[in-house]
Amino acid sequence: MSRFHLHVGVADLPASIAFYQALFGAGPSVVKDDYAKWMLDDPAVNFAISTRGSSTGVDHVGIQVESVEDLAKLARRLRDAGESVVDQVGATCCYARSDKTWVRDPAGLAWETFHTFGEATTYGEDMGPRDVPSERGRCRPDALATCC
């Protein structure tokens, strides 16, 4: 099963955890000093919040897949459609280890497709939405600097 992924930058993590816990009717599956994540089945979403970005609001969206093969298939589909994608192998981000493919939609929103294969003890500081090429291969200067 694939999961929709949404990462939101927040200013007040404890208040945001309380809000989303009430909204989802469940506590987060991961809580760190700067990050929280819910792995929900209804709706099927990997929802993350953090204080890591330079602004609040939607940081990026994505699709979490179950296998390396699913990730390769999704990346191939994007490439076949003529999209500029950036692959990232063995990324450490959001306290997890993942392989990723990044792309931007026509409006400039960063999409992360990824397969997570392990946990990490640090948040990670690898590439993120700001490093994803936008139109004509340029990076958007206003994009956020978070890793996932």
N, C-alpha and C. Protein backbone atom coordinates (compact mmCIF):
# COMPACT_ATOMS: atom_id res chain seq x y z
N MET A 1 0.84 -1.17 0.00
CA MET A 1 0.00 0.00 0.00
C MET A 1 0.89 1.24 0.00
N SER A 2 0.61 2.16 -0.89
CA SER A 2 1.28 3.45 -0.88
C SER A 2 0.56 4.37 0.08
N ARG A 3 1.28 5.36 0.59
CA ARG A 3 0.70 6.35 1.50
C ARG A 3 0.96 7.73 0.98
N PHE A 4 -0.02 8.59 1.10
CA PHE A 4 0.17 10.00 0.83
C PHE A 4 1.03 10.56 1.95
N HIS A 5 1.94 11.48 1.61
CA HIS A 5 2.83 12.10 2.60
C HIS A 5 2.63 13.60 2.56
N LEU A 6 2.51 14.22 3.71
CA LEU A 6 2.39 15.67 3.83
C LEU A 6 3.27 16.11 4.98
N HIS A 7 4.14 17.10 4.72
CA HIS A 7 5.01 17.64 5.77
C HIS A 7 4.68 19.12 5.93
N VAL A 8 4.36 19.52 7.16
CA VAL A 8 3.96 20.88 7.46
C VAL A 8 4.94 21.49 8.46
N GLY A 9 5.42 22.68 8.16
CA GLY A 9 6.26 23.43 9.09
C GLY A 9 5.37 24.11 10.13
N VAL A 10 5.75 24.00 11.39
CA VAL A 10 4.96 24.60 12.47
C VAL A 10 5.85 25.45 13.36
N ALA A 11 5.24 26.42 14.05
CA ALA A 11 5.99 27.28 14.96
C ALA A 11 6.00 26.73 16.38
N ASP A 12 4.93 26.07 16.79
CA ASP A 12 4.77 25.57 18.16
C ASP A 12 4.47 24.08 18.10
N LEU A 13 5.50 23.25 18.28
CA LEU A 13 5.33 21.81 18.14
C LEU A 13 4.33 21.23 19.15
N PRO A 14 4.43 21.51 20.45
CA PRO A 14 3.47 20.93 21.40
C PRO A 14 2.02 21.30 21.08
N ALA A 15 1.77 22.55 20.75
CA ALA A 15 0.39 22.96 20.41
C ALA A 15 -0.07 22.26 19.13
N SER A 16 0.83 22.11 18.17
CA SER A 16 0.48 21.45 16.91
C SER A 16 0.22 19.96 17.13
N ILE A 17 1.03 19.32 17.97
CA ILE A 17 0.79 17.90 18.29
C ILE A 17 -0.59 17.75 18.92
N ALA A 18 -0.94 18.61 19.86
CA ALA A 18 -2.26 18.53 20.51
C ALA A 18 -3.38 18.71 19.49
N PHE A 19 -3.23 19.67 18.56
CA PHE A 19 -4.25 19.91 17.55
C PHE A 19 -4.43 18.69 16.65
N TYR A 20 -3.33 18.20 16.09
CA TYR A 20 -3.43 17.07 15.16
C TYR A 20 -3.84 15.79 15.86
N GLN A 21 -3.48 15.63 17.11
CA GLN A 21 -3.94 14.47 17.87
C GLN A 21 -5.46 14.50 17.99
N ALA A 22 -6.02 15.68 18.25
CA ALA A 22 -7.49 15.81 18.32
C ALA A 22 -8.11 15.58 16.94
N LEU A 23 -7.50 16.13 15.90
CA LEU A 23 -8.02 15.97 14.54
C LEU A 23 -8.03 14.52 14.10
N PHE A 24 -6.92 13.82 14.33
CA PHE A 24 -6.78 12.44 13.86
C PHE A 24 -7.34 11.41 14.84
N GLY A 25 -7.58 11.81 16.10
CA GLY A 25 -8.06 10.86 17.10
C GLY A 25 -6.99 9.86 17.50
N ALA A 26 -5.73 10.23 17.31
CA ALA A 26 -4.61 9.34 17.64
C ALA A 26 -3.36 10.18 17.88
N GLY A 27 -2.51 9.69 18.75
CA GLY A 27 -1.24 10.35 18.99
C GLY A 27 -0.23 10.03 17.91
N PRO A 28 0.83 10.80 17.83
CA PRO A 28 1.87 10.55 16.83
C PRO A 28 2.62 9.25 17.12
N SER A 29 3.12 8.63 16.05
CA SER A 29 3.92 7.41 16.21
C SER A 29 5.38 7.72 16.49
N VAL A 30 5.81 8.93 16.15
CA VAL A 30 7.17 9.39 16.42
C VAL A 30 7.09 10.81 16.97
N VAL A 31 7.79 11.07 18.07
CA VAL A 31 7.88 12.42 18.63
C VAL A 31 9.33 12.68 19.00
N LYS A 32 9.88 13.78 18.48
CA LYS A 32 11.23 14.24 18.82
C LYS A 32 11.10 15.69 19.27
N ASP A 33 12.19 16.31 19.65
CA ASP A 33 12.16 17.70 20.10
C ASP A 33 11.70 18.67 19.02
N ASP A 34 11.93 18.31 17.75
CA ASP A 34 11.64 19.22 16.64
C ASP A 34 10.73 18.61 15.58
N TYR A 35 10.11 17.45 15.87
CA TYR A 35 9.44 16.68 14.82
C TYR A 35 8.41 15.73 15.43
N ALA A 36 7.34 15.52 14.70
CA ALA A 36 6.36 14.49 15.06
C ALA A 36 5.78 13.91 13.78
N LYS A 37 5.41 12.62 13.83
CA LYS A 37 4.87 11.96 12.64
C LYS A 37 3.74 11.02 13.04
N TRP A 38 2.69 11.02 12.22
CA TRP A 38 1.57 10.09 12.34
C TRP A 38 1.59 9.19 11.12
N MET A 39 1.48 7.88 11.33
CA MET A 39 1.34 6.91 10.23
C MET A 39 -0.10 6.40 10.32
N LEU A 40 -0.99 7.07 9.64
CA LEU A 40 -2.42 6.78 9.75
C LEU A 40 -2.88 5.81 8.67
N ASP A 41 -3.83 4.96 9.03
CA ASP A 41 -4.45 4.06 8.06
C ASP A 41 -5.73 4.63 7.49
N ASP A 42 -6.37 5.53 8.22
CA ASP A 42 -7.62 6.12 7.75
C ASP A 42 -7.65 7.59 8.11
N PRO A 43 -7.25 8.46 7.21
CA PRO A 43 -6.83 8.21 5.84
C PRO A 43 -5.40 7.66 5.80
N ALA A 44 -5.05 6.97 4.73
CA ALA A 44 -3.71 6.39 4.58
C ALA A 44 -2.73 7.51 4.29
N VAL A 45 -2.11 8.02 5.35
CA VAL A 45 -1.21 9.16 5.20
C VAL A 45 -0.04 9.06 6.17
N ASN A 46 1.10 9.50 5.73
CA ASN A 46 2.28 9.73 6.56
C ASN A 46 2.31 11.24 6.75
N PHE A 47 1.83 11.72 7.88
CA PHE A 47 1.69 13.15 8.14
C PHE A 47 2.76 13.56 9.13
N ALA A 48 3.61 14.53 8.74
CA ALA A 48 4.71 14.96 9.59
C ALA A 48 4.65 16.46 9.81
N ILE A 49 5.07 16.88 11.00
CA ILE A 49 5.22 18.29 11.32
C ILE A 49 6.60 18.50 11.92
N SER A 50 7.16 19.69 11.70
CA SER A 50 8.46 19.98 12.32
C SER A 50 8.65 21.48 12.44
N THR A 51 9.61 21.83 13.26
CA THR A 51 9.99 23.23 13.43
C THR A 51 11.26 23.51 12.63
N ARG A 52 11.62 22.67 11.69
CA ARG A 52 12.89 22.75 10.98
C ARG A 52 12.91 23.74 9.83
N GLY A 53 11.76 24.11 9.27
CA GLY A 53 11.73 24.96 8.09
C GLY A 53 11.91 26.44 8.41
N SER A 54 12.08 27.21 7.35
CA SER A 54 12.24 28.64 7.52
C SER A 54 10.91 29.37 7.62
N SER A 55 9.82 28.66 7.34
CA SER A 55 8.49 29.25 7.47
C SER A 55 7.49 28.16 7.82
N THR A 56 6.29 28.59 8.19
CA THR A 56 5.26 27.62 8.53
C THR A 56 4.37 27.36 7.32
N GLY A 57 3.66 26.26 7.37
CA GLY A 57 2.76 25.88 6.28
C GLY A 57 3.26 24.65 5.56
N VAL A 58 2.62 24.33 4.43
CA VAL A 58 2.98 23.13 3.68
C VAL A 58 4.41 23.26 3.18
N ASP A 59 5.23 22.30 3.54
CA ASP A 59 6.63 22.26 3.12
C ASP A 59 6.75 21.48 1.81
N HIS A 60 6.21 20.28 1.80
CA HIS A 60 6.20 19.44 0.60
C HIS A 60 5.19 18.33 0.78
N VAL A 61 4.85 17.68 -0.31
CA VAL A 61 3.95 16.54 -0.28
C VAL A 61 4.65 15.37 -0.96
N GLY A 62 4.08 14.19 -0.84
CA GLY A 62 4.74 13.06 -1.45
C GLY A 62 3.94 11.79 -1.40
N ILE A 63 4.61 10.73 -1.86
CA ILE A 63 4.03 9.39 -1.84
C ILE A 63 5.08 8.45 -1.28
N GLN A 64 4.72 7.75 -0.20
CA GLN A 64 5.59 6.75 0.40
C GLN A 64 5.20 5.40 -0.18
N VAL A 65 6.18 4.68 -0.75
CA VAL A 65 5.90 3.38 -1.37
C VAL A 65 6.49 2.27 -0.52
N GLU A 66 6.07 1.06 -0.81
CA GLU A 66 6.46 -0.11 -0.01
C GLU A 66 7.79 -0.73 -0.39
N SER A 67 8.27 -0.49 -1.61
CA SER A 67 9.48 -1.20 -2.05
C SER A 67 10.33 -0.34 -2.98
N VAL A 68 11.58 -0.76 -3.14
CA VAL A 68 12.50 -0.10 -4.07
C VAL A 68 11.95 -0.22 -5.48
N GLU A 69 11.32 -1.34 -5.80
CA GLU A 69 10.76 -1.55 -7.13
C GLU A 69 9.62 -0.56 -7.40
N ASP A 70 8.77 -0.33 -6.39
CA ASP A 70 7.69 0.65 -6.54
C ASP A 70 8.24 2.05 -6.75
N LEU A 71 9.32 2.38 -6.04
CA LEU A 71 9.95 3.70 -6.19
C LEU A 71 10.52 3.85 -7.60
N ALA A 72 11.19 2.82 -8.10
CA ALA A 72 11.76 2.87 -9.44
C ALA A 72 10.66 3.02 -10.49
N LYS A 73 9.56 2.33 -10.31
CA LYS A 73 8.44 2.42 -11.25
C LYS A 73 7.86 3.84 -11.27
N LEU A 74 7.69 4.43 -10.10
CA LEU A 74 7.15 5.79 -10.01
C LEU A 74 8.12 6.79 -10.65
N ALA A 75 9.41 6.66 -10.35
CA ALA A 75 10.41 7.56 -10.93
C ALA A 75 10.46 7.42 -12.45
N ARG A 76 10.37 6.19 -12.93
CA ARG A 76 10.38 5.95 -14.38
C ARG A 76 9.18 6.61 -15.04
N ARG A 77 8.03 6.53 -14.40
CA ARG A 77 6.82 7.15 -14.94
C ARG A 77 7.00 8.67 -15.06
N LEU A 78 7.61 9.29 -14.05
CA LEU A 78 7.86 10.72 -14.10
C LEU A 78 8.86 11.09 -15.21
N ARG A 79 9.93 10.30 -15.31
CA ARG A 79 10.93 10.56 -16.36
C ARG A 79 10.32 10.38 -17.75
N ASP A 80 9.52 9.33 -17.91
CA ASP A 80 8.88 9.08 -19.20
C ASP A 80 7.94 10.22 -19.59
N ALA A 81 7.42 10.94 -18.60
CA ALA A 81 6.55 12.09 -18.87
C ALA A 81 7.36 13.36 -19.11
N GLY A 82 8.70 13.25 -19.09
CA GLY A 82 9.55 14.39 -19.37
C GLY A 82 9.87 15.26 -18.18
N GLU A 83 9.59 14.79 -16.98
CA GLU A 83 9.85 15.58 -15.77
C GLU A 83 11.32 15.50 -15.38
N SER A 84 11.84 16.59 -14.80
CA SER A 84 13.19 16.60 -14.24
C SER A 84 13.11 16.08 -12.81
N VAL A 85 13.73 14.95 -12.56
CA VAL A 85 13.69 14.35 -11.23
C VAL A 85 15.11 14.29 -10.66
N VAL A 86 15.16 14.27 -9.34
CA VAL A 86 16.43 14.14 -8.63
C VAL A 86 16.33 12.92 -7.74
N ASP A 87 17.21 11.94 -7.96
CA ASP A 87 17.23 10.73 -7.14
C ASP A 87 18.16 10.94 -5.96
N GLN A 88 17.80 10.32 -4.85
CA GLN A 88 18.60 10.41 -3.63
C GLN A 88 18.62 9.02 -3.01
N VAL A 89 19.79 8.41 -2.93
CA VAL A 89 19.94 7.06 -2.40
C VAL A 89 20.52 7.11 -0.99
N GLY A 90 19.92 6.39 -0.07
CA GLY A 90 20.44 6.30 1.29
C GLY A 90 20.35 7.60 2.07
N ALA A 91 19.30 8.34 1.88
CA ALA A 91 19.13 9.63 2.57
C ALA A 91 18.82 9.41 4.05
N THR A 92 19.35 10.30 4.89
CA THR A 92 18.97 10.34 6.30
C THR A 92 18.14 11.59 6.48
N CYS A 93 16.89 11.40 6.84
CA CYS A 93 15.97 12.53 6.93
C CYS A 93 14.79 12.16 7.82
N CYS A 94 14.36 13.11 8.63
CA CYS A 94 13.18 12.90 9.49
C CYS A 94 13.33 11.65 10.36
N TYR A 95 14.53 11.46 10.88
CA TYR A 95 14.83 10.32 11.76
C TYR A 95 14.61 8.98 11.06
N ALA A 96 14.80 8.95 9.74
CA ALA A 96 14.62 7.72 8.96
C ALA A 96 15.66 7.64 7.85
N ARG A 97 15.87 6.43 7.33
CA ARG A 97 16.75 6.18 6.18
C ARG A 97 15.85 5.82 5.01
N SER A 98 16.06 6.49 3.88
CA SER A 98 15.18 6.30 2.72
C SER A 98 15.92 6.50 1.42
N ASP A 99 15.39 5.88 0.36
CA ASP A 99 15.74 6.22 -1.01
C ASP A 99 14.60 7.09 -1.51
N LYS A 100 14.94 8.12 -2.31
CA LYS A 100 13.94 9.11 -2.71
C LYS A 100 14.08 9.52 -4.17
N THR A 101 13.01 10.03 -4.70
CA THR A 101 13.01 10.74 -5.97
C THR A 101 12.21 12.01 -5.75
N TRP A 102 12.82 13.16 -6.06
CA TRP A 102 12.18 14.47 -5.90
C TRP A 102 11.80 15.01 -7.27
N VAL A 103 10.69 15.75 -7.31
CA VAL A 103 10.23 16.40 -8.53
C VAL A 103 9.37 17.59 -8.13
N ARG A 104 9.19 18.54 -9.03
CA ARG A 104 8.28 19.67 -8.78
C ARG A 104 7.09 19.58 -9.72
N ASP A 105 5.91 19.94 -9.20
CA ASP A 105 4.73 20.00 -10.07
C ASP A 105 4.76 21.32 -10.85
N PRO A 106 3.84 21.52 -11.80
CA PRO A 106 3.86 22.74 -12.61
C PRO A 106 3.73 24.03 -11.80
N ALA A 107 3.15 23.97 -10.60
CA ALA A 107 3.03 25.16 -9.76
C ALA A 107 4.26 25.39 -8.90
N GLY A 108 5.24 24.48 -8.94
CA GLY A 108 6.47 24.64 -8.18
C GLY A 108 6.50 23.90 -6.86
N LEU A 109 5.44 23.16 -6.52
CA LEU A 109 5.40 22.42 -5.27
C LEU A 109 6.30 21.19 -5.35
N ALA A 110 7.15 21.00 -4.34
CA ALA A 110 8.05 19.85 -4.31
C ALA A 110 7.29 18.59 -3.90
N TRP A 111 7.50 17.52 -4.67
CA TRP A 111 6.94 16.20 -4.38
C TRP A 111 8.10 15.25 -4.10
N GLU A 112 7.96 14.50 -3.01
CA GLU A 112 8.96 13.52 -2.60
C GLU A 112 8.32 12.14 -2.72
N THR A 113 8.88 11.29 -3.57
CA THR A 113 8.45 9.89 -3.59
C THR A 113 9.57 9.12 -2.91
N PHE A 114 9.22 8.21 -1.99
CA PHE A 114 10.28 7.59 -1.21
C PHE A 114 9.92 6.21 -0.68
N HIS A 115 10.98 5.44 -0.40
CA HIS A 115 10.88 4.14 0.25
C HIS A 115 11.77 4.19 1.49
N THR A 116 11.16 4.03 2.66
CA THR A 116 11.89 4.06 3.92
C THR A 116 12.31 2.65 4.30
N PHE A 117 13.59 2.48 4.65
CA PHE A 117 14.09 1.15 4.99
C PHE A 117 14.74 1.07 6.36
N GLY A 118 14.67 2.13 7.15
CA GLY A 118 15.24 2.06 8.49
C GLY A 118 15.08 3.36 9.25
N GLU A 119 15.43 3.31 10.53
CA GLU A 119 15.37 4.47 11.39
C GLU A 119 16.75 5.12 11.46
N ALA A 120 16.78 6.38 11.90
CA ALA A 120 18.03 7.10 12.11
C ALA A 120 17.96 7.81 13.46
N THR A 121 19.11 8.04 14.06
CA THR A 121 19.14 8.69 15.37
C THR A 121 19.16 10.21 15.27
N THR A 122 19.36 10.74 14.06
CA THR A 122 19.35 12.19 13.85
C THR A 122 18.29 12.56 12.83
N TYR A 123 17.89 13.83 12.85
CA TYR A 123 16.90 14.32 11.89
C TYR A 123 17.44 14.19 10.47
N GLY A 124 18.69 14.55 10.28
CA GLY A 124 19.31 14.48 8.96
C GLY A 124 19.34 15.85 8.30
N GLU A 125 20.32 16.06 7.48
CA GLU A 125 20.46 17.35 6.81
C GLU A 125 20.79 17.15 5.34
N ASP A 126 20.17 16.17 4.71
CA ASP A 126 20.44 15.95 3.30
C ASP A 126 19.60 16.90 2.45
N MET A 127 19.56 16.66 1.16
CA MET A 127 18.81 17.55 0.28
C MET A 127 17.34 17.53 0.62
N GLY A 128 16.64 18.54 0.20
CA GLY A 128 15.22 18.63 0.44
C GLY A 128 14.56 19.48 -0.61
N PRO A 129 13.38 20.00 -0.33
CA PRO A 129 12.62 20.74 -1.34
C PRO A 129 13.40 21.87 -2.00
N ARG A 130 14.27 22.55 -1.27
CA ARG A 130 14.99 23.68 -1.87
C ARG A 130 15.96 23.22 -2.95
N ASP A 131 16.39 21.96 -2.92
CA ASP A 131 17.36 21.45 -3.87
C ASP A 131 16.73 20.83 -5.12
N VAL A 132 15.42 20.80 -5.17
CA VAL A 132 14.73 20.18 -6.29
C VAL A 132 14.60 21.18 -7.43
N PRO A 133 15.07 20.82 -8.61
CA PRO A 133 14.97 21.76 -9.73
C PRO A 133 13.53 22.15 -10.01
N SER A 134 13.35 23.41 -10.35
CA SER A 134 12.04 23.86 -10.79
C SER A 134 12.10 24.05 -12.30
N GLU A 135 11.32 24.90 -12.84
CA GLU A 135 11.29 25.11 -14.28
C GLU A 135 12.69 25.34 -14.83
N ARG A 136 12.94 24.72 -15.97
CA ARG A 136 14.21 24.87 -16.69
C ARG A 136 15.42 24.53 -15.83
N GLY A 137 15.25 23.65 -14.84
CA GLY A 137 16.37 23.16 -14.05
C GLY A 137 16.87 24.09 -12.97
N ARG A 138 16.19 25.21 -12.72
CA ARG A 138 16.62 26.13 -11.68
C ARG A 138 15.98 25.76 -10.35
N CYS A 139 16.68 26.01 -9.27
CA CYS A 139 16.10 25.82 -7.95
C CYS A 139 15.37 27.11 -7.54
N ARG A 140 14.24 26.95 -6.91
CA ARG A 140 13.49 28.12 -6.42
C ARG A 140 14.21 28.70 -5.22
N PRO A 141 14.54 29.98 -5.22
CA PRO A 141 15.24 30.58 -4.08
C PRO A 141 14.37 30.68 -2.84
N ASP A 142 13.05 30.64 -2.99
CA ASP A 142 12.17 30.78 -1.85
C ASP A 142 11.77 29.45 -1.22
N ALA A 143 12.25 28.35 -1.77
CA ALA A 143 11.86 27.03 -1.26
C ALA A 143 12.51 26.79 0.10
N LEU A 144 11.89 25.91 0.86
CA LEU A 144 12.35 25.66 2.22
C LEU A 144 13.59 24.81 2.26
N ALA A 145 14.28 24.87 3.37
CA ALA A 145 15.56 24.18 3.52
C ALA A 145 15.45 22.92 4.37
N THR A 146 14.28 22.41 4.59
CA THR A 146 14.16 21.20 5.37
C THR A 146 14.55 20.00 4.53
N CYS A 147 14.83 18.90 5.17
CA CYS A 147 15.28 17.75 4.39
C CYS A 147 14.14 16.86 3.95
N CYS A 148 13.09 16.82 4.65
CA CYS A 148 12.04 15.92 4.18
C CYS A 148 10.70 16.42 4.42
